[in-house]
């Protein structure tokens, strides 16, 4: 009889522990992902798809917010608004450390778990008090691109078409490439803006003024698509060495045709998917990996484009 009573007591204790464990898991957490991208930037569609899939799998709500025109002061206000809504976690890009330091630090100080993605560095993320950074080291990516251009085509001069020059990370990409080939980034980089027609005209003007330019580097579809049009109009498509960051259907076609030598893939799907999964587990169980995650750089070329083009804009 004593044995039966002891077993019943153990079973009751186990049930109590199980009940306590289930209270740790709060269904339906809400996270907010805040990017610096303007509405016109199609590259972020992959991240939007990633958070949708992760949200469904984790049974959480993930809100995507961004400044419609890409204005960083507006982005800072969005971070403040998100913090005031007291979400279970914030995912945010470090588009400009100085502009965003205050709002992001305030969110951390309020006890909101923060994961930084995409723009910025692991060092900046740590200084802000974020749990971790998931992204691509931008200077390294640009530098590796420059090394590739130098090795494959002996490139010594280039044009960096920077469509988001107010984002320090974009300048790091250009600088990395310039350092790799021994060029001056200041004379090799243009502030292209966001308007496709303006970007095309600025690229044409630069190439006309600098006819010895051996390569072009664009920083994403926003600048790559108009640059393709400019090179086609100038009769330089396939003649000038062309590398770009990120992928789109149009970029994939240009790689297959040999007009673009490579696209640098920072795997944006991982930048959207992983923080949602990690924040969910952190909220529910208090577990999270140690360290940061480099999602890139990887290179997409004519040799491997077949493996990824069907997923462009969705998973790649």
C-alpha atoms as a PDB file:
ATOM      1  CA  UNK A   1       0.000   0.000   0.000  1.00  0.00           C
ATOM      2  CA  UNK A   2       2.858   2.366   0.827  1.00  0.00           C
ATOM      3  CA  UNK A   3       4.403   1.583  -2.543  1.00  0.00           C
ATOM      4  CA  UNK A   4       1.152   2.397  -4.345  1.00  0.00           C
ATOM      5  CA  UNK A   5       0.841   5.661  -2.404  1.00  0.00           C
ATOM      6  CA  UNK A   6       4.452   6.573  -3.254  1.00  0.00           C
ATOM      7  CA  UNK A   7       3.859   5.849  -6.942  1.00  0.00           C
ATOM      8  CA  UNK A   8       0.738   7.987  -6.903  1.00  0.00           C
ATOM      9  CA  UNK A   9       2.661  10.835  -5.280  1.00  0.00           C
ATOM     10  CA  UNK A  10       5.429  10.562  -7.889  1.00  0.00           C
ATOM     11  CA  UNK A  11       2.862  10.579 -10.682  1.00  0.00           C
ATOM     12  CA  UNK A  12       1.187  13.661  -9.223  1.00  0.00           C
ATOM     13  CA  UNK A  13       4.542  15.429  -8.930  1.00  0.00           C
ATOM     14  CA  UNK A  14       5.369  14.548 -12.522  1.00  0.00           C
ATOM     15  CA  UNK A  15       2.011  15.921 -13.644  1.00  0.00           C
ATOM     16  CA  UNK A  16       2.668  19.157 -11.761  1.00  0.00           C
ATOM     17  CA  UNK A  17       6.090  19.483 -13.405  1.00  0.00           C
ATOM     18  CA  UNK A  18       4.593  18.798 -16.805  1.00  0.00           C
ATOM     19  CA  UNK A  19       1.971  21.460 -16.177  1.00  0.00           C
ATOM     20  CA  UNK A  20       4.627  23.930 -15.103  1.00  0.00           C
ATOM     21  CA  UNK A  21       6.631  23.167 -18.237  1.00  0.00           C
ATOM     22  CA  UNK A  22       3.685  23.844 -20.525  1.00  0.00           C
ATOM     23  CA  UNK A  23       3.182  27.299 -19.036  1.00  0.00           C
ATOM     24  CA  UNK A  24       6.603  28.307 -20.379  1.00  0.00           C
ATOM     25  CA  UNK A  25       5.261  27.972 -23.916  1.00  0.00           C
ATOM     26  CA  UNK A  26       3.073  30.934 -24.796  1.00  0.00           C
ATOM     27  CA  UNK A  27       1.129  30.294 -27.998  1.00  0.00           C
ATOM     28  CA  UNK A  28       0.784  33.010 -30.588  1.00  0.00           C
ATOM     29  CA  UNK A  29       3.788  35.221 -29.912  1.00  0.00           C
ATOM     30  CA  UNK A  30       4.019  38.433 -31.928  1.00  0.00           C
ATOM     31  CA  UNK A  31       7.243  39.597 -33.531  1.00  0.00           C
ATOM     32  CA  UNK A  32       7.988  42.679 -35.619  1.00  0.00           C
ATOM     33  CA  UNK A  33      10.553  42.746 -38.435  1.00  0.00           C
ATOM     34  CA  UNK A  34      11.655  46.268 -39.348  1.00  0.00           C
ATOM     35  CA  UNK A  35      13.715  46.824 -42.480  1.00  0.00           C
ATOM     36  CA  UNK A  36      15.233  49.932 -44.024  1.00  0.00           C
ATOM     37  CA  UNK A  37      14.013  49.063 -47.517  1.00  0.00           C
ATOM     38  CA  UNK A  38      11.665  51.332 -49.473  1.00  0.00           C
ATOM     39  CA  UNK A  39       8.482  49.840 -50.887  1.00  0.00           C
ATOM     40  CA  UNK A  40      10.057  49.787 -54.367  1.00  0.00           C
ATOM     41  CA  UNK A  41      12.808  47.312 -53.395  1.00  0.00           C
ATOM     42  CA  UNK A  42      11.630  43.901 -54.644  1.00  0.00           C
ATOM     43  CA  UNK A  43      14.591  42.085 -53.088  1.00  0.00           C
ATOM     44  CA  UNK A  44      12.798  42.067 -49.742  1.00  0.00           C
ATOM     45  CA  UNK A  45       9.997  39.896 -51.119  1.00  0.00           C
ATOM     46  CA  UNK A  46      12.084  36.838 -50.238  1.00  0.00           C
ATOM     47  CA  UNK A  47      12.345  37.943 -46.617  1.00  0.00           C
ATOM     48  CA  UNK A  48       8.604  38.646 -46.522  1.00  0.00           C
ATOM     49  CA  UNK A  49       8.014  35.113 -47.801  1.00  0.00           C
ATOM     50  CA  UNK A  50      10.429  33.711 -45.213  1.00  0.00           C
ATOM     51  CA  UNK A  51       8.697  35.333 -42.242  1.00  0.00           C
ATOM     52  CA  UNK A  52       5.324  34.170 -43.557  1.00  0.00           C
ATOM     53  CA  UNK A  53       6.511  30.557 -43.711  1.00  0.00           C
ATOM     54  CA  UNK A  54       8.274  30.742 -40.348  1.00  0.00           C
ATOM     55  CA  UNK A  55       5.227  32.358 -38.754  1.00  0.00           C
ATOM     56  CA  UNK A  56       2.957  29.577 -39.975  1.00  0.00           C
ATOM     57  CA  UNK A  57       5.359  26.853 -38.852  1.00  0.00           C
ATOM     58  CA  UNK A  58       5.951  28.370 -35.437  1.00  0.00           C
ATOM     59  CA  UNK A  59       2.317  29.438 -34.918  1.00  0.00           C
ATOM     60  CA  UNK A  60       3.319  33.063 -34.328  1.00  0.00           C
ATOM     61  CA  UNK A  61       2.445  36.441 -35.834  1.00  0.00           C
ATOM     62  CA  UNK A  62       5.200  38.319 -37.665  1.00  0.00           C
ATOM     63  CA  UNK A  63       4.582  41.902 -38.780  1.00  0.00           C
ATOM     64  CA  UNK A  64       6.733  43.467 -41.496  1.00  0.00           C
ATOM     65  CA  UNK A  65       7.278  47.221 -41.240  1.00  0.00           C
ATOM     66  CA  UNK A  66       9.457  49.567 -43.292  1.00  0.00           C
ATOM     67  CA  UNK A  67       9.813  53.248 -44.219  1.00  0.00           C
ATOM     68  CA  UNK A  68       7.974  53.555 -47.587  1.00  0.00           C
ATOM     69  CA  UNK A  69      10.663  55.801 -49.104  1.00  0.00           C
ATOM     70  CA  UNK A  70      13.629  54.284 -47.280  1.00  0.00           C
ATOM     71  CA  UNK A  71      14.031  57.307 -45.001  1.00  0.00           C
ATOM     72  CA  UNK A  72      16.118  56.220 -42.000  1.00  0.00           C
ATOM     73  CA  UNK A  73      14.648  58.815 -39.632  1.00  0.00           C
ATOM     74  CA  UNK A  74      11.269  57.312 -40.481  1.00  0.00           C
ATOM     75  CA  UNK A  75      12.704  53.854 -39.780  1.00  0.00           C
ATOM     76  CA  UNK A  76      13.867  55.010 -36.339  1.00  0.00           C
ATOM     77  CA  UNK A  77      10.323  56.146 -35.563  1.00  0.00           C
ATOM     78  CA  UNK A  78       8.981  52.772 -36.681  1.00  0.00           C
ATOM     79  CA  UNK A  79      11.347  51.034 -34.246  1.00  0.00           C
ATOM     80  CA  UNK A  80      10.061  53.290 -31.457  1.00  0.00           C
ATOM     81  CA  UNK A  81       6.442  52.540 -32.389  1.00  0.00           C
ATOM     82  CA  UNK A  82       7.135  48.812 -32.489  1.00  0.00           C
ATOM     83  CA  UNK A  83       8.766  48.981 -29.061  1.00  0.00           C
ATOM     84  CA  UNK A  84       5.776  50.840 -27.646  1.00  0.00           C
ATOM     85  CA  UNK A  85       3.495  48.024 -28.840  1.00  0.00           C
ATOM     86  CA  UNK A  86       5.486  45.638 -26.603  1.00  0.00           C
ATOM     87  CA  UNK A  87       6.006  42.698 -28.991  1.00  0.00           C
ATOM     88  CA  UNK A  88       7.591  39.399 -27.958  1.00  0.00           C
ATOM     89  CA  UNK A  89      10.614  40.197 -30.123  1.00  0.00           C
ATOM     90  CA  UNK A  90      11.994  42.635 -32.674  1.00  0.00           C
ATOM     91  CA  UNK A  91      13.996  41.764 -35.797  1.00  0.00           C
ATOM     92  CA  UNK A  92      15.714  44.825 -37.253  1.00  0.00           C
ATOM     93  CA  UNK A  93      18.373  45.891 -39.738  1.00  0.00           C
ATOM     94  CA  UNK A  94      21.213  48.181 -38.641  1.00  0.00           C
ATOM     95  CA  UNK A  95      20.975  50.407 -41.700  1.00  0.00           C
ATOM     96  CA  UNK A  96      22.723  53.256 -39.865  1.00  0.00           C
ATOM     97  CA  UNK A  97      24.126  52.615 -36.401  1.00  0.00           C
ATOM     98  CA  UNK A  98      24.090  56.265 -35.321  1.00  0.00           C
ATOM     99  CA  UNK A  99      20.463  56.808 -36.347  1.00  0.00           C
ATOM    100  CA  UNK A 100      19.136  53.544 -34.908  1.00  0.00           C
ATOM    101  CA  UNK A 101      21.270  53.113 -31.790  1.00  0.00           C
ATOM    102  CA  UNK A 102      18.860  54.969 -29.508  1.00  0.00           C
ATOM    103  CA  UNK A 103      15.606  53.270 -30.597  1.00  0.00           C
ATOM    104  CA  UNK A 104      17.090  49.753 -30.698  1.00  0.00           C
ATOM    105  CA  UNK A 105      18.850  50.146 -27.336  1.00  0.00           C
ATOM    106  CA  UNK A 106      15.571  51.396 -25.846  1.00  0.00           C
ATOM    107  CA  UNK A 107      13.832  48.231 -27.027  1.00  0.00           C
ATOM    108  CA  UNK A 108      16.532  46.064 -25.430  1.00  0.00           C
ATOM    109  CA  UNK A 109      16.358  48.075 -22.202  1.00  0.00           C
ATOM    110  CA  UNK A 110      12.608  47.492 -22.137  1.00  0.00           C
ATOM    111  CA  UNK A 111      13.303  43.757 -22.071  1.00  0.00           C
ATOM    112  CA  UNK A 112      12.321  43.002 -25.662  1.00  0.00           C
ATOM    113  CA  UNK A 113      14.525  40.327 -27.278  1.00  0.00           C
ATOM    114  CA  UNK A 114      16.172  41.752 -30.405  1.00  0.00           C
ATOM    115  CA  UNK A 115      17.896  39.999 -33.300  1.00  0.00           C
ATOM    116  CA  UNK A 116      19.594  42.166 -35.941  1.00  0.00           C
ATOM    117  CA  UNK A 117      19.736  41.076 -39.569  1.00  0.00           C
ATOM    118  CA  UNK A 118      21.063  42.069 -42.976  1.00  0.00           C
ATOM    119  CA  UNK A 119      22.750  45.477 -42.562  1.00  0.00           C
ATOM    120  CA  UNK A 120      25.320  46.290 -39.914  1.00  0.00           C
ATOM    121  CA  UNK A 121      27.981  44.181 -38.266  1.00  0.00           C
ATOM    122  CA  UNK A 122      28.167  41.608 -35.532  1.00  0.00           C
ATOM    123  CA  UNK A 123      30.141  44.109 -33.445  1.00  0.00           C
ATOM    124  CA  UNK A 124      27.433  46.756 -33.800  1.00  0.00           C
ATOM    125  CA  UNK A 125      24.763  44.190 -32.946  1.00  0.00           C
ATOM    126  CA  UNK A 126      26.571  43.251 -29.755  1.00  0.00           C
ATOM    127  CA  UNK A 127      26.990  46.919 -28.809  1.00  0.00           C
ATOM    128  CA  UNK A 128      23.239  47.413 -29.189  1.00  0.00           C
ATOM    129  CA  UNK A 129      22.576  44.533 -26.824  1.00  0.00           C
ATOM    130  CA  UNK A 130      20.961  42.284 -29.438  1.00  0.00           C
ATOM    131  CA  UNK A 131      20.910  38.528 -28.990  1.00  0.00           C
ATOM    132  CA  UNK A 132      22.743  37.919 -32.254  1.00  0.00           C
ATOM    133  CA  UNK A 133      23.272  39.119 -35.831  1.00  0.00           C
ATOM    134  CA  UNK A 134      22.252  37.192 -38.944  1.00  0.00           C
ATOM    135  CA  UNK A 135      23.634  38.579 -42.178  1.00  0.00           C
ATOM    136  CA  UNK A 136      26.493  38.983 -44.583  1.00  0.00           C
ATOM    137  CA  UNK A 137      29.741  40.780 -43.728  1.00  0.00           C
ATOM    138  CA  UNK A 138      29.403  43.488 -46.366  1.00  0.00           C
ATOM    139  CA  UNK A 139      33.033  44.584 -46.732  1.00  0.00           C
ATOM    140  CA  UNK A 140      34.103  40.941 -46.993  1.00  0.00           C
ATOM    141  CA  UNK A 141      31.462  40.266 -49.632  1.00  0.00           C
ATOM    142  CA  UNK A 142      32.584  43.228 -51.720  1.00  0.00           C
ATOM    143  CA  UNK A 143      36.221  42.279 -51.270  1.00  0.00           C
ATOM    144  CA  UNK A 144      35.618  38.697 -52.387  1.00  0.00           C
ATOM    145  CA  UNK A 145      33.743  40.016 -55.413  1.00  0.00           C
ATOM    146  CA  UNK A 146      36.687  42.255 -56.288  1.00  0.00           C
ATOM    147  CA  UNK A 147      39.152  39.384 -55.947  1.00  0.00           C
ATOM    148  CA  UNK A 148      36.989  37.325 -58.278  1.00  0.00           C
ATOM    149  CA  UNK A 149      36.868  40.126 -60.872  1.00  0.00           C
ATOM    150  CA  UNK A 150      40.618  40.621 -60.679  1.00  0.00           C
ATOM    151  CA  UNK A 151      41.325  36.906 -61.044  1.00  0.00           C
ATOM    152  CA  UNK A 152      38.865  36.245 -63.849  1.00  0.00           C
ATOM    153  CA  UNK A 153      39.274  39.402 -65.920  1.00  0.00           C
ATOM    154  CA  UNK A 154      42.247  41.342 -64.537  1.00  0.00           C
ATOM    155  CA  UNK A 155      39.924  44.178 -63.524  1.00  0.00           C
ATOM    156  CA  UNK A 156      41.665  47.316 -62.234  1.00  0.00           C
ATOM    157  CA  UNK A 157      38.897  49.910 -62.535  1.00  0.00           C
ATOM    158  CA  UNK A 158      35.155  49.773 -61.905  1.00  0.00           C
ATOM    159  CA  UNK A 159      31.924  51.638 -61.376  1.00  0.00           C
ATOM    160  CA  UNK A 160      29.946  50.928 -58.205  1.00  0.00           C
ATOM    161  CA  UNK A 161      26.280  51.817 -58.780  1.00  0.00           C
ATOM    162  CA  UNK A 162      25.128  52.616 -55.244  1.00  0.00           C
ATOM    163  CA  UNK A 163      21.351  53.047 -55.109  1.00  0.00           C
ATOM    164  CA  UNK A 164      21.284  53.427 -51.314  1.00  0.00           C
ATOM    165  CA  UNK A 165      24.341  55.484 -50.472  1.00  0.00           C
ATOM    166  CA  UNK A 166      22.884  56.683 -47.149  1.00  0.00           C
ATOM    167  CA  UNK A 167      23.207  53.101 -45.881  1.00  0.00           C
ATOM    168  CA  UNK A 168      26.823  52.677 -44.672  1.00  0.00           C
ATOM    169  CA  UNK A 169      26.678  48.944 -45.461  1.00  0.00           C
ATOM    170  CA  UNK A 170      26.282  49.742 -49.158  1.00  0.00           C
ATOM    171  CA  UNK A 171      29.448  51.828 -49.108  1.00  0.00           C
ATOM    172  CA  UNK A 172      31.288  48.943 -47.429  1.00  0.00           C
ATOM    173  CA  UNK A 173      30.393  46.729 -50.388  1.00  0.00           C
ATOM    174  CA  UNK A 174      31.873  49.224 -52.833  1.00  0.00           C
ATOM    175  CA  UNK A 175      34.947  49.809 -50.673  1.00  0.00           C
ATOM    176  CA  UNK A 176      35.659  46.099 -50.357  1.00  0.00           C
ATOM    177  CA  UNK A 177      35.617  45.694 -54.144  1.00  0.00           C
ATOM    178  CA  UNK A 178      37.780  48.792 -54.648  1.00  0.00           C
ATOM    179  CA  UNK A 179      40.394  47.610 -52.164  1.00  0.00           C
ATOM    180  CA  UNK A 180      40.575  44.194 -53.812  1.00  0.00           C
ATOM    181  CA  UNK A 181      41.428  45.626 -57.235  1.00  0.00           C
ATOM    182  CA  UNK A 182      43.430  48.638 -56.019  1.00  0.00           C
ATOM    183  CA  UNK A 183      40.924  51.320 -57.081  1.00  0.00           C
ATOM    184  CA  UNK A 184      39.766  54.537 -55.394  1.00  0.00           C
ATOM    185  CA  UNK A 185      36.251  54.000 -54.089  1.00  0.00           C
ATOM    186  CA  UNK A 186      35.445  57.734 -54.027  1.00  0.00           C
ATOM    187  CA  UNK A 187      35.971  58.183 -57.760  1.00  0.00           C
ATOM    188  CA  UNK A 188      34.490  54.783 -58.596  1.00  0.00           C
ATOM    189  CA  UNK A 189      31.137  55.090 -56.802  1.00  0.00           C
ATOM    190  CA  UNK A 190      28.057  57.049 -57.828  1.00  0.00           C
ATOM    191  CA  UNK A 191      24.983  57.989 -55.819  1.00  0.00           C
ATOM    192  CA  UNK A 192      22.475  56.426 -58.223  1.00  0.00           C
ATOM    193  CA  UNK A 193      19.256  57.099 -56.319  1.00  0.00           C
ATOM    194  CA  UNK A 194      16.169  54.884 -56.523  1.00  0.00           C
ATOM    195  CA  UNK A 195      14.526  55.969 -59.779  1.00  0.00           C
ATOM    196  CA  UNK A 196      15.215  53.447 -62.607  1.00  0.00           C
ATOM    197  CA  UNK A 197      15.412  56.075 -65.357  1.00  0.00           C
ATOM    198  CA  UNK A 198      17.776  58.205 -63.273  1.00  0.00           C
ATOM    199  CA  UNK A 199      19.989  55.217 -62.493  1.00  0.00           C
ATOM    200  CA  UNK A 200      20.217  54.302 -66.179  1.00  0.00           C
ATOM    201  CA  UNK A 201      21.156  57.840 -67.174  1.00  0.00           C
ATOM    202  CA  UNK A 202      23.782  58.161 -64.433  1.00  0.00           C
ATOM    203  CA  UNK A 203      25.421  54.880 -65.453  1.00  0.00           C
ATOM    204  CA  UNK A 204      25.504  55.971 -69.107  1.00  0.00           C
ATOM    205  CA  UNK A 205      26.971  59.351 -68.152  1.00  0.00           C
ATOM    206  CA  UNK A 206      29.684  57.795 -65.985  1.00  0.00           C
ATOM    207  CA  UNK A 207      30.724  55.289 -68.641  1.00  0.00           C
ATOM    208  CA  UNK A 208      30.850  58.020 -71.284  1.00  0.00           C
ATOM    209  CA  UNK A 209      33.057  60.132 -69.017  1.00  0.00           C
ATOM    210  CA  UNK A 210      35.207  57.133 -68.030  1.00  0.00           C
ATOM    211  CA  UNK A 211      35.506  54.973 -71.178  1.00  0.00           C
ATOM    212  CA  UNK A 212      38.303  52.878 -69.658  1.00  0.00           C
ATOM    213  CA  UNK A 213      36.023  51.467 -66.925  1.00  0.00           C
ATOM    214  CA  UNK A 214      36.594  47.711 -66.900  1.00  0.00           C
ATOM    215  CA  UNK A 215      33.817  46.513 -64.571  1.00  0.00           C
ATOM    216  CA  UNK A 216      30.482  47.429 -63.074  1.00  0.00           C
ATOM    217  CA  UNK A 217      29.228  46.430 -59.629  1.00  0.00           C
ATOM    218  CA  UNK A 218      25.583  46.910 -58.667  1.00  0.00           C
ATOM    219  CA  UNK A 219      24.195  46.430 -55.174  1.00  0.00           C
ATOM    220  CA  UNK A 220      20.890  44.707 -55.898  1.00  0.00           C
ATOM    221  CA  UNK A 221      18.007  44.509 -58.388  1.00  0.00           C
ATOM    222  CA  UNK A 222      17.116  48.180 -57.853  1.00  0.00           C
ATOM    223  CA  UNK A 223      20.386  49.249 -59.496  1.00  0.00           C
ATOM    224  CA  UNK A 224      21.121  46.088 -61.505  1.00  0.00           C
ATOM    225  CA  UNK A 225      18.025  46.241 -63.718  1.00  0.00           C
ATOM    226  CA  UNK A 226      18.549  49.847 -64.957  1.00  0.00           C
ATOM    227  CA  UNK A 227      22.284  49.156 -65.357  1.00  0.00           C
ATOM    228  CA  UNK A 228      21.482  46.214 -67.622  1.00  0.00           C
ATOM    229  CA  UNK A 229      19.387  48.582 -69.728  1.00  0.00           C
ATOM    230  CA  UNK A 230      22.203  51.149 -69.789  1.00  0.00           C
ATOM    231  CA  UNK A 231      24.808  48.617 -70.909  1.00  0.00           C
ATOM    232  CA  UNK A 232      22.473  47.326 -73.591  1.00  0.00           C
ATOM    233  CA  UNK A 233      21.906  50.839 -74.916  1.00  0.00           C
ATOM    234  CA  UNK A 234      25.639  51.569 -74.874  1.00  0.00           C
ATOM    235  CA  UNK A 235      26.462  48.329 -76.678  1.00  0.00           C
ATOM    236  CA  UNK A 236      28.477  47.107 -73.686  1.00  0.00           C
ATOM    237  CA  UNK A 237      26.262  44.209 -72.574  1.00  0.00           C
ATOM    238  CA  UNK A 238      28.523  41.180 -72.344  1.00  0.00           C
ATOM    239  CA  UNK A 239      31.580  43.331 -73.090  1.00  0.00           C
ATOM    240  CA  UNK A 240      32.150  44.888 -69.661  1.00  0.00           C
ATOM    241  CA  UNK A 241      32.673  42.706 -66.578  1.00  0.00           C
ATOM    242  CA  UNK A 242      29.475  42.900 -64.525  1.00  0.00           C
ATOM    243  CA  UNK A 243      28.911  41.674 -60.999  1.00  0.00           C
ATOM    244  CA  UNK A 244      25.969  42.317 -58.724  1.00  0.00           C
ATOM    245  CA  UNK A 245      24.670  41.699 -55.260  1.00  0.00           C
ATOM    246  CA  UNK A 246      21.485  39.698 -54.805  1.00  0.00           C
ATOM    247  CA  UNK A 247      19.272  37.859 -57.240  1.00  0.00           C
ATOM    248  CA  UNK A 248      16.094  38.365 -59.258  1.00  0.00           C
ATOM    249  CA  UNK A 249      14.546  36.733 -62.295  1.00  0.00           C
ATOM    250  CA  UNK A 250      16.052  39.370 -64.583  1.00  0.00           C
ATOM    251  CA  UNK A 251      19.491  38.994 -63.014  1.00  0.00           C
ATOM    252  CA  UNK A 252      19.252  35.210 -63.376  1.00  0.00           C
ATOM    253  CA  UNK A 253      18.528  35.576 -67.110  1.00  0.00           C
ATOM    254  CA  UNK A 254      21.495  37.937 -67.509  1.00  0.00           C
ATOM    255  CA  UNK A 255      23.783  35.415 -65.810  1.00  0.00           C
ATOM    256  CA  UNK A 256      22.597  32.662 -68.172  1.00  0.00           C
ATOM    257  CA  UNK A 257      23.309  34.921 -71.157  1.00  0.00           C
ATOM    258  CA  UNK A 258      26.794  35.771 -69.882  1.00  0.00           C
ATOM    259  CA  UNK A 259      25.996  39.477 -69.417  1.00  0.00           C
ATOM    260  CA  UNK A 260      26.396  39.267 -65.625  1.00  0.00           C
ATOM    261  CA  UNK A 261      29.386  37.269 -64.382  1.00  0.00           C
ATOM    262  CA  UNK A 262      28.040  36.615 -60.889  1.00  0.00           C
ATOM    263  CA  UNK A 263      25.462  37.512 -58.308  1.00  0.00           C
ATOM    264  CA  UNK A 264      26.415  37.554 -54.642  1.00  0.00           C
ATOM    265  CA  UNK A 265      23.862  35.559 -52.685  1.00  0.00           C
ATOM    266  CA  UNK A 266      23.465  36.510 -49.036  1.00  0.00           C
ATOM    267  CA  UNK A 267      20.559  34.069 -48.689  1.00  0.00           C
ATOM    268  CA  UNK A 268      17.839  36.494 -47.584  1.00  0.00           C
ATOM    269  CA  UNK A 269      15.452  33.633 -46.852  1.00  0.00           C
ATOM    270  CA  UNK A 270      17.646  32.686 -43.893  1.00  0.00           C
ATOM    271  CA  UNK A 271      17.685  36.321 -42.711  1.00  0.00           C
ATOM    272  CA  UNK A 272      13.907  36.257 -42.426  1.00  0.00           C
ATOM    273  CA  UNK A 273      13.268  32.651 -41.445  1.00  0.00           C
ATOM    274  CA  UNK A 274      15.928  32.013 -38.805  1.00  0.00           C
ATOM    275  CA  UNK A 275      15.230  34.954 -36.452  1.00  0.00           C
ATOM    276  CA  UNK A 276      11.535  34.033 -36.252  1.00  0.00           C
ATOM    277  CA  UNK A 277      12.374  30.429 -35.342  1.00  0.00           C
ATOM    278  CA  UNK A 278      15.093  31.476 -32.909  1.00  0.00           C
ATOM    279  CA  UNK A 279      12.982  34.128 -31.165  1.00  0.00           C
ATOM    280  CA  UNK A 280      10.119  31.659 -30.825  1.00  0.00           C
ATOM    281  CA  UNK A 281      12.346  29.125 -29.107  1.00  0.00           C
ATOM    282  CA  UNK A 282      13.929  31.845 -26.973  1.00  0.00           C
ATOM    283  CA  UNK A 283      10.519  33.051 -25.788  1.00  0.00           C
ATOM    284  CA  UNK A 284       9.164  29.582 -25.138  1.00  0.00           C
ATOM    285  CA  UNK A 285      12.146  27.684 -23.794  1.00  0.00           C
ATOM    286  CA  UNK A 286      14.888  30.242 -23.140  1.00  0.00           C
ATOM    287  CA  UNK A 287      17.270  28.634 -25.651  1.00  0.00           C
ATOM    288  CA  UNK A 288      19.219  30.319 -28.444  1.00  0.00           C
ATOM    289  CA  UNK A 289      22.484  29.489 -30.274  1.00  0.00           C
ATOM    290  CA  UNK A 290      25.660  31.209 -29.152  1.00  0.00           C
ATOM    291  CA  UNK A 291      27.322  33.558 -31.616  1.00  0.00           C
ATOM    292  CA  UNK A 292      26.241  35.076 -34.911  1.00  0.00           C
ATOM    293  CA  UNK A 293      25.247  33.552 -38.241  1.00  0.00           C
ATOM    294  CA  UNK A 294      26.832  34.553 -41.560  1.00  0.00           C
ATOM    295  CA  UNK A 295      24.207  33.973 -44.249  1.00  0.00           C
ATOM    296  CA  UNK A 296      26.651  34.867 -47.063  1.00  0.00           C
ATOM    297  CA  UNK A 297      28.481  35.605 -49.250  1.00  0.00           C
ATOM    298  CA  UNK A 298      27.984  32.925 -51.859  1.00  0.00           C
ATOM    299  CA  UNK A 299      28.391  33.318 -55.623  1.00  0.00           C
ATOM    300  CA  UNK A 300      25.794  32.444 -58.244  1.00  0.00           C
ATOM    301  CA  UNK A 301      27.319  32.003 -61.694  1.00  0.00           C
ATOM    302  CA  UNK A 302      26.436  30.488 -65.046  1.00  0.00           C
ATOM    303  CA  UNK A 303      27.700  27.172 -63.678  1.00  0.00           C
ATOM    304  CA  UNK A 304      25.162  26.908 -60.866  1.00  0.00           C
ATOM    305  CA  UNK A 305      22.325  29.259 -61.851  1.00  0.00           C
ATOM    306  CA  UNK A 306      20.132  26.295 -62.811  1.00  0.00           C
ATOM    307  CA  UNK A 307      20.036  25.201 -59.175  1.00  0.00           C
ATOM    308  CA  UNK A 308      18.654  28.477 -57.898  1.00  0.00           C
ATOM    309  CA  UNK A 309      16.820  30.430 -60.619  1.00  0.00           C
ATOM    310  CA  UNK A 310      13.484  28.710 -60.115  1.00  0.00           C
ATOM    311  CA  UNK A 311      13.499  29.919 -56.501  1.00  0.00           C
ATOM    312  CA  UNK A 312      14.455  33.544 -57.286  1.00  0.00           C
ATOM    313  CA  UNK A 313      12.298  35.988 -55.371  1.00  0.00           C
ATOM    314  CA  UNK A 314      10.815  33.233 -53.230  1.00  0.00           C
ATOM    315  CA  UNK A 315      13.610  31.369 -51.457  1.00  0.00           C
ATOM    316  CA  UNK A 316      16.726  32.873 -53.097  1.00  0.00           C
END
